[in-house]
Amino acid sequence: MRHARSPVREFIRSLPKTETHLHLEGALPYEMLHALAPERFPPAPAFHAADYRYEAFSKFDEVLLGHALPWFTSAQRYHEAARAIFARHLEQNVRYVETSFHLAVTQFITTPGREILAAIRAAVPPGLDVRLFAGMLRTDYTGPLQAVIDDLENWDELDGVDLHGFEGVPTEPWTARVWERLRSAGKITKAHAGEFDGAQRVREAIEQLGVRRVQHGVRAAEDPSVVALAVSCDATFDVCPISNVKLNVFPSLAAHPLRRLMDAGVRCTVSTDDPLVFNNSVEDEYVALATEAAFSAAELAQIARNGWEVARVSSATRAAMVVEVNRLAVAERIRAGGTPT
C-alpha cells in the first residue's frame, strides 16, 4: 500500500514507533524474491492488490509458504532478508521490533536455530532495537522439534517464543508447561489467539498459557468478560488491522474493533504481521487507521505509546520515547487548530 505525503502521514512518520507482531519469513521484501526468480515471481502479484482478500486461511498459508520458503534456504539468506527488513523499519522511524522466525524451518534447511538467530542479529542496524522470538505451531512438540523446544531456555540470544498457526488446531497440553518453564528462564511468551477463533481462545491464552502478549486478540471484543480479563491482567494485544481485513476476519477497518478494545482499557499495539503477502508497512497501518477508521492523532499517539510500554528496553529509553510521542502529539494538535492541553 502506498499513500501520498500529507500532514497526517508526516505526523505518523515522525512518531517513534514499534513493531511487535512480525513474522520474519513473512516480511521478506517481495522485490528480493522477484530478483531471485523473475519468471516465477512477477513484479506485481495479484495478492498485492489493495482489494485482494484471502478466501481462507489455507489459501493465505499456501501463498505465504510458496513465496517465503524459496528464499529462506540458509542462514545467509536470513541475514540478507533481515538487513533489508530492518532498513525499511528505520526509514519509517520504527525504532523497536519484535520478530519471530519459524522454528520448523531449521528442519527444512538443516540449519541450527542459533545459527539463524546469529545471522538475524548481525543484520540489526544502529538505531534499531530488535528482540528475537522462536515461532512454532501448536503441533510442533510431537515431532522432531521437541528436543529443540526443550532446549530453548538455554538460548541466551533468544528473547521469547510465539505460538502461531491456524487456530482451528487445539492447543495441546505441553504448551502451558513449556511456556511456564520458558517464562521462568526470563523469556517472553506470546500466543496467537482471537483471530480465526473466538474470544474463548484469548481466555485460554491468558488463563491456561499464562501469556500477557496476545498476538491479534481482536475477537475478544465478542465477549465483554474476556475484555475485562485482558484489562485486569494487563495483557497486551499486538494487533494487525490490515492483516485482519485481508484475511476476512473483519470486512473493513471501519468495522475493526481496535478502537472499542482500546476504549475498554486493553493495551493494543499495531503491526504488519506478514507484509510479504499483505503489501503493507507499519506506516501504512497507521495511515489506514487515520483515513479509513477516522483515528485521531491522539489515538495514533496512544498506539505508539502502547508499543513502548511493552517494549523490552531500559526504563530511560521507554521514558524518552513516551516523552517524544507526547511532544509530537501536542504539536500535531496545535497544527490542526486545537489547543495544546
Protein backbone atom coordinates (compact mmCIF):
# COMPACT_ATOMS: atom_id res chain seq x y z
CA MET A 1 0.00 0.00 0.00
CA ARG A 2 1.29 3.45 -0.88
CA HIS A 3 -0.10 6.81 0.19
CA ALA A 4 0.68 10.35 -0.94
CA ARG A 5 2.54 12.54 1.51
CA SER A 6 0.21 14.50 3.79
CA PRO A 7 0.33 16.25 7.17
CA VAL A 8 -1.18 13.14 8.74
CA ARG A 9 1.43 10.89 7.18
CA GLU A 10 4.18 13.32 8.16
CA PHE A 11 2.96 13.14 11.76
CA ILE A 12 2.88 9.34 11.59
CA ARG A 13 6.39 9.23 10.12
CA SER A 14 7.67 11.46 12.93
CA LEU A 15 6.32 9.20 15.70
CA PRO A 16 8.95 6.86 17.19
CA LYS A 17 7.15 3.59 16.56
CA THR A 18 7.44 -0.07 17.46
CA GLU A 19 6.54 -3.27 15.62
CA THR A 20 5.72 -6.12 17.96
CA HIS A 21 3.96 -8.68 15.75
CA LEU A 22 6.09 -9.59 12.75
CA HIS A 23 6.93 -12.96 11.20
CA LEU A 24 10.37 -12.57 9.68
CA GLU A 25 9.76 -15.03 6.83
CA GLY A 26 6.52 -13.17 6.09
CA ALA A 27 8.35 -9.84 6.00
CA LEU A 28 10.68 -10.66 3.09
CA PRO A 29 10.63 -7.69 0.69
CA TYR A 30 8.88 -9.03 -2.40
CA GLU A 31 11.32 -7.36 -4.79
CA MET A 32 14.10 -9.59 -3.44
CA LEU A 33 12.04 -12.63 -4.40
CA HIS A 34 11.33 -11.14 -7.82
CA ALA A 35 15.05 -10.51 -8.36
CA LEU A 36 15.81 -14.09 -7.36
CA ALA A 37 13.41 -15.66 -9.88
CA PRO A 38 11.59 -13.05 -12.01
CA GLU A 39 9.95 -15.65 -14.23
CA ARG A 40 8.39 -17.32 -11.19
CA PHE A 41 7.60 -14.22 -9.15
CA PRO A 42 6.18 -11.42 -11.35
CA PRO A 43 6.67 -7.78 -10.31
CA ALA A 44 3.02 -7.18 -9.35
CA PRO A 45 1.39 -10.29 -7.86
CA ALA A 46 -2.40 -10.35 -7.65
CA PHE A 47 -2.37 -10.69 -3.86
CA HIS A 48 -0.70 -7.28 -3.55
CA ALA A 49 -3.79 -5.51 -4.90
CA ALA A 50 -5.45 -3.22 -2.36
CA ASP A 51 -8.79 -5.03 -2.70
CA TYR A 52 -7.38 -8.58 -2.58
CA ARG A 53 -8.85 -10.83 0.10
CA TYR A 54 -7.74 -14.36 1.06
CA GLU A 55 -10.70 -16.71 0.80
CA ALA A 56 -9.45 -18.91 3.64
CA PHE A 57 -6.51 -19.33 5.99
CA SER A 58 -5.36 -22.30 3.92
CA LYS A 59 -5.05 -20.08 0.84
CA PHE A 60 -3.10 -17.50 2.80
CA ASP A 61 -0.80 -20.22 4.13
CA GLU A 62 -0.28 -21.58 0.63
CA VAL A 63 0.70 -18.16 -0.73
CA LEU A 64 2.93 -17.33 2.23
CA LEU A 65 4.84 -20.60 2.24
CA GLY A 66 5.04 -20.67 -1.54
CA HIS A 67 6.77 -17.31 -1.53
CA ALA A 68 8.81 -17.43 1.68
CA LEU A 69 10.34 -20.91 1.54
CA PRO A 70 12.10 -20.46 -1.83
CA TRP A 71 14.11 -17.62 -0.29
CA PHE A 72 14.87 -18.86 3.23
CA THR A 73 17.27 -21.67 2.41
CA SER A 74 20.26 -20.72 4.59
CA ALA A 75 21.35 -18.56 7.49
CA GLN A 76 22.91 -16.16 4.98
CA ARG A 77 19.53 -15.70 3.29
CA TYR A 78 18.03 -14.87 6.69
CA HIS A 79 20.76 -12.28 7.17
CA GLU A 80 20.15 -10.68 3.77
CA ALA A 81 16.40 -10.53 4.27
CA ALA A 82 16.68 -9.20 7.82
CA ARG A 83 19.06 -6.46 6.71
CA ALA A 84 16.54 -5.23 4.12
CA ILE A 85 13.57 -5.60 6.51
CA PHE A 86 15.25 -3.64 9.29
CA ALA A 87 16.36 -0.91 6.89
CA ARG A 88 12.71 -0.35 6.00
CA HIS A 89 11.87 -0.05 9.67
CA LEU A 90 14.40 2.73 10.11
CA GLU A 91 13.03 4.52 7.04
CA GLN A 92 9.64 4.67 8.79
CA ASN A 93 11.09 5.74 12.15
CA VAL A 94 10.34 2.35 13.68
CA ARG A 95 12.92 2.04 16.44
CA TYR A 96 12.00 -1.21 18.18
CA VAL A 97 11.00 -4.57 16.63
CA GLU A 98 9.93 -7.94 17.97
CA THR A 99 10.09 -10.54 15.23
CA SER A 100 9.84 -14.32 15.14
CA PHE A 101 11.41 -16.89 12.87
CA HIS A 102 9.60 -20.16 12.18
CA LEU A 103 11.38 -22.83 14.20
CA ALA A 104 10.36 -25.61 11.81
CA VAL A 105 12.48 -24.05 9.07
CA THR A 106 15.52 -25.35 10.92
CA GLN A 107 14.36 -28.84 9.95
CA PHE A 108 13.64 -27.92 6.33
CA ILE A 109 17.09 -26.45 5.70
CA THR A 110 19.04 -28.41 8.35
CA THR A 111 20.44 -25.22 9.86
CA PRO A 112 20.59 -24.85 13.66
CA GLY A 113 18.23 -22.26 15.08
CA ARG A 114 21.02 -20.49 16.92
CA GLU A 115 22.85 -20.01 13.63
CA ILE A 116 19.73 -18.39 12.17
CA LEU A 117 19.40 -16.18 15.24
CA ALA A 118 23.02 -15.07 14.91
CA ALA A 119 22.51 -14.25 11.25
CA ILE A 120 19.44 -12.14 12.01
CA ARG A 121 21.12 -10.45 14.96
CA ALA A 122 24.11 -9.50 12.80
CA ALA A 123 21.75 -7.67 10.42
CA VAL A 124 20.40 -5.27 13.08
CA PRO A 125 21.47 -1.71 12.18
CA PRO A 126 22.42 1.04 14.65
CA GLY A 127 19.34 2.90 15.86
CA LEU A 128 17.07 -0.13 15.95
CA ASP A 129 16.42 -2.41 18.92
CA VAL A 130 15.37 -5.93 17.87
CA ARG A 131 14.10 -8.79 20.03
CA LEU A 132 14.04 -12.27 18.50
CA PHE A 133 11.42 -14.96 19.05
CA ALA A 134 11.09 -18.59 18.02
CA GLY A 135 7.68 -19.22 16.47
CA MET A 136 6.14 -22.66 16.46
CA LEU A 137 2.93 -24.43 15.54
CA ARG A 138 0.62 -25.93 18.14
CA THR A 139 1.61 -29.42 16.97
CA ASP A 140 5.39 -28.98 16.79
CA TYR A 141 6.19 -30.61 20.13
CA THR A 142 5.04 -34.03 18.97
CA GLY A 143 7.69 -34.22 16.26
CA PRO A 144 11.45 -33.85 15.86
CA LEU A 145 11.34 -30.28 17.23
CA GLN A 146 10.60 -31.49 20.77
CA ALA A 147 14.28 -31.66 21.72
CA VAL A 148 14.87 -28.21 20.24
CA ILE A 149 11.90 -26.72 22.11
CA ASP A 150 13.10 -28.29 25.36
CA ASP A 151 16.45 -26.53 24.93
CA LEU A 152 15.12 -23.03 24.14
CA GLU A 153 15.51 -21.85 27.72
CA ASN A 154 19.28 -22.19 27.23
CA TRP A 155 19.37 -19.94 24.16
CA ASP A 156 20.64 -16.71 25.68
CA GLU A 157 20.27 -14.92 22.36
CA LEU A 158 16.53 -15.77 22.22
CA ASP A 159 14.14 -13.22 23.75
CA GLY A 160 10.96 -15.28 23.66
CA VAL A 161 8.61 -17.70 21.95
CA ASP A 162 5.38 -17.40 19.99
CA LEU A 163 2.67 -19.99 19.38
CA HIS A 164 1.18 -19.44 15.94
CA GLY A 165 -0.59 -21.16 13.08
CA PHE A 166 -4.23 -21.94 12.36
CA GLU A 167 -6.39 -21.51 15.46
CA GLY A 168 -8.66 -24.35 14.45
CA VAL A 169 -5.95 -26.64 15.82
CA PRO A 170 -6.39 -27.26 19.57
CA THR A 171 -3.74 -26.04 21.97
CA GLU A 172 -2.01 -29.17 23.26
CA PRO A 173 -1.25 -29.78 26.97
CA TRP A 174 2.52 -29.47 26.53
CA THR A 175 2.24 -25.79 25.73
CA ALA A 176 1.33 -24.48 29.19
CA ARG A 177 4.14 -26.48 30.80
CA VAL A 178 6.76 -25.33 28.30
CA TRP A 179 5.56 -21.72 28.32
CA GLU A 180 5.77 -21.61 32.13
CA ARG A 181 9.29 -23.02 32.08
CA LEU A 182 10.42 -20.51 29.48
CA ARG A 183 8.95 -17.59 31.43
CA SER A 184 10.86 -18.80 34.46
CA ALA A 185 14.00 -18.62 32.31
CA GLY A 186 13.25 -14.98 31.50
CA LYS A 187 11.72 -15.46 28.07
CA ILE A 188 8.68 -13.52 26.81
CA THR A 189 5.82 -15.87 25.92
CA LYS A 190 3.30 -15.00 23.22
CA ALA A 191 0.40 -16.82 21.60
CA HIS A 192 -1.77 -16.17 18.58
CA ALA A 193 -5.39 -16.16 19.73
CA GLY A 194 -8.66 -14.48 18.91
CA GLU A 195 -8.10 -14.18 15.16
CA PHE A 196 -9.86 -17.05 13.36
CA ASP A 197 -11.33 -18.48 16.54
CA GLY A 198 -13.39 -16.63 19.11
CA ALA A 199 -12.89 -14.91 22.43
CA GLN A 200 -12.53 -18.22 24.26
CA ARG A 201 -9.10 -18.71 22.70
CA VAL A 202 -7.97 -15.38 24.16
CA ARG A 203 -9.17 -16.55 27.56
CA GLU A 204 -7.27 -19.79 27.05
CA ALA A 205 -4.08 -17.93 26.16
CA ILE A 206 -4.29 -15.75 29.26
CA GLU A 207 -5.59 -18.24 31.83
CA GLN A 208 -4.08 -21.54 30.67
CA LEU A 209 -0.90 -20.49 28.89
CA GLY A 210 -0.21 -17.54 31.18
CA VAL A 211 0.65 -15.17 28.33
CA ARG A 212 0.30 -11.42 28.61
CA ARG A 213 1.22 -10.79 25.00
CA VAL A 214 -1.64 -11.95 22.80
CA GLN A 215 -1.00 -11.84 19.07
CA HIS A 216 -4.18 -10.43 17.46
CA GLY A 217 -6.67 -10.95 20.32
CA VAL A 218 -9.27 -8.94 18.43
CA ARG A 219 -12.09 -11.49 18.67
CA ALA A 220 -12.06 -10.88 22.43
CA ALA A 221 -14.38 -7.99 21.58
CA GLU A 222 -17.14 -10.60 21.18
CA ASP A 223 -17.14 -11.31 24.93
CA PRO A 224 -17.04 -8.42 27.46
CA SER A 225 -15.84 -10.79 30.18
CA VAL A 226 -12.72 -11.65 28.14
CA VAL A 227 -12.07 -7.98 27.50
CA ALA A 228 -12.35 -7.38 31.25
CA LEU A 229 -9.96 -10.27 31.87
CA ALA A 230 -7.41 -8.79 29.48
CA VAL A 231 -7.64 -5.41 31.20
CA SER A 232 -7.43 -6.87 34.71
CA CYS A 233 -4.26 -8.84 33.98
CA ASP A 234 -2.65 -6.03 31.97
CA ALA A 235 -2.49 -8.08 28.78
CA THR A 236 -1.40 -6.53 25.50
CA PHE A 237 -2.98 -7.31 22.13
CA ASP A 238 -0.45 -6.99 19.30
CA VAL A 239 -2.98 -6.17 16.58
CA CYS A 240 -2.55 -6.28 12.79
CA PRO A 241 -5.54 -4.39 11.31
CA ILE A 242 -4.72 -4.68 7.60
CA SER A 243 -3.99 -8.40 8.00
CA ASN A 244 -7.36 -8.84 9.73
CA VAL A 245 -9.15 -7.22 6.79
CA LYS A 246 -7.15 -9.05 4.10
CA LEU A 247 -7.95 -12.35 5.83
CA ASN A 248 -11.66 -11.50 6.15
CA VAL A 249 -11.64 -11.51 9.94
CA PHE A 250 -13.42 -8.15 9.58
CA PRO A 251 -14.93 -6.64 6.43
CA SER A 252 -13.19 -3.27 6.77
CA LEU A 253 -11.07 -1.15 9.05
CA ALA A 254 -14.17 0.86 9.90
CA ALA A 255 -15.68 -2.35 11.32
CA HIS A 256 -12.50 -3.35 13.16
CA PRO A 257 -12.84 -3.45 16.99
CA LEU A 258 -9.43 -1.88 17.72
CA ARG A 259 -10.93 1.39 18.97
CA ARG A 260 -13.51 -0.43 21.12
CA LEU A 261 -10.80 -2.55 22.70
CA MET A 262 -8.66 0.49 23.44
CA ASP A 263 -11.61 2.43 24.83
CA ALA A 264 -12.32 -0.52 27.13
CA GLY A 265 -8.79 -0.26 28.51
CA VAL A 266 -6.98 -3.00 26.57
CA ARG A 267 -3.42 -2.04 25.66
CA CYS A 268 -3.15 -2.53 21.89
CA THR A 269 -0.18 -2.14 19.59
CA VAL A 270 -0.24 -2.12 15.79
CA SER A 271 1.97 -4.19 13.47
CA THR A 272 2.04 -5.66 9.96
CA ASP A 273 2.06 -9.46 10.56
CA ASP A 274 3.25 -10.65 7.11
CA PRO A 275 3.95 -7.72 4.75
CA LEU A 276 5.30 -10.08 2.07
CA VAL A 277 1.74 -11.18 1.33
CA PHE A 278 -0.27 -8.20 2.63
CA ASN A 279 1.83 -5.49 0.91
CA ASN A 280 1.76 -3.23 3.97
CA SER A 281 4.13 -1.35 6.24
CA VAL A 282 3.88 -0.04 9.80
CA GLU A 283 3.34 3.42 8.38
CA ASP A 284 0.57 2.09 6.15
CA GLU A 285 -1.18 0.61 9.19
CA TYR A 286 -1.27 3.97 10.97
CA VAL A 287 -2.33 5.86 7.84
CA ALA A 288 -5.10 3.35 7.12
CA LEU A 289 -6.43 3.73 10.66
CA ALA A 290 -6.47 7.50 10.20
CA THR A 291 -8.07 7.53 6.76
CA GLU A 292 -10.37 4.50 6.86
CA ALA A 293 -11.30 4.32 10.56
CA ALA A 294 -11.03 8.02 11.47
CA PHE A 295 -8.40 7.50 14.17
CA SER A 296 -7.31 10.83 15.59
CA ALA A 297 -3.70 11.91 16.10
CA ALA A 298 -4.22 11.38 19.83
CA GLU A 299 -5.36 7.78 19.24
CA LEU A 300 -2.41 7.10 16.94
CA ALA A 301 -0.07 8.55 19.55
CA GLN A 302 -1.60 6.23 22.15
CA ILE A 303 -0.89 3.24 19.92
CA ALA A 304 2.74 4.36 19.64
CA ARG A 305 2.96 4.81 23.44
CA ASN A 306 1.48 1.36 23.95
CA GLY A 307 4.28 -0.19 21.94
CA TRP A 308 6.91 1.47 24.11
CA GLU A 309 5.10 0.43 27.30
CA VAL A 310 5.67 -3.25 26.50
CA ALA A 311 9.00 -2.95 24.68
CA ARG A 312 11.87 -4.76 26.39
CA VAL A 313 14.05 -1.67 26.67
CA SER A 314 15.60 0.28 29.53
CA SER A 315 13.33 2.48 31.62
CA ALA A 316 15.28 5.51 30.39
CA THR A 317 14.66 4.61 26.74
CA ARG A 318 10.99 3.94 27.40
CA ALA A 319 10.56 7.28 29.16
CA ALA A 320 12.37 9.17 26.42
CA MET A 321 10.24 7.62 23.70
CA VAL A 322 6.99 8.39 25.53
CA VAL A 323 8.09 12.00 26.06
CA GLU A 324 8.82 12.28 22.34
CA VAL A 325 5.44 10.80 21.38
CA ASN A 326 3.68 13.20 23.74
CA ARG A 327 5.57 16.19 22.34
CA LEU A 328 4.67 15.27 18.78
CA ALA A 329 1.01 14.68 19.69
CA VAL A 330 0.76 18.17 21.23
CA ALA A 331 2.46 19.73 18.19
CA GLU A 332 0.06 17.94 15.84
CA ARG A 333 -2.92 19.08 17.85
CA ILE A 334 -1.75 22.69 17.62
CA ARG A 335 -1.08 22.34 13.87
CA ALA A 336 -4.61 21.02 13.37
CA GLY A 337 -6.04 24.04 15.14
CA GLY A 338 -6.58 22.64 18.63
CA THR A 339 -5.26 23.76 21.99
CA PRO A 340 -2.08 22.32 23.49
CA THR A 341 -3.89 20.99 26.57
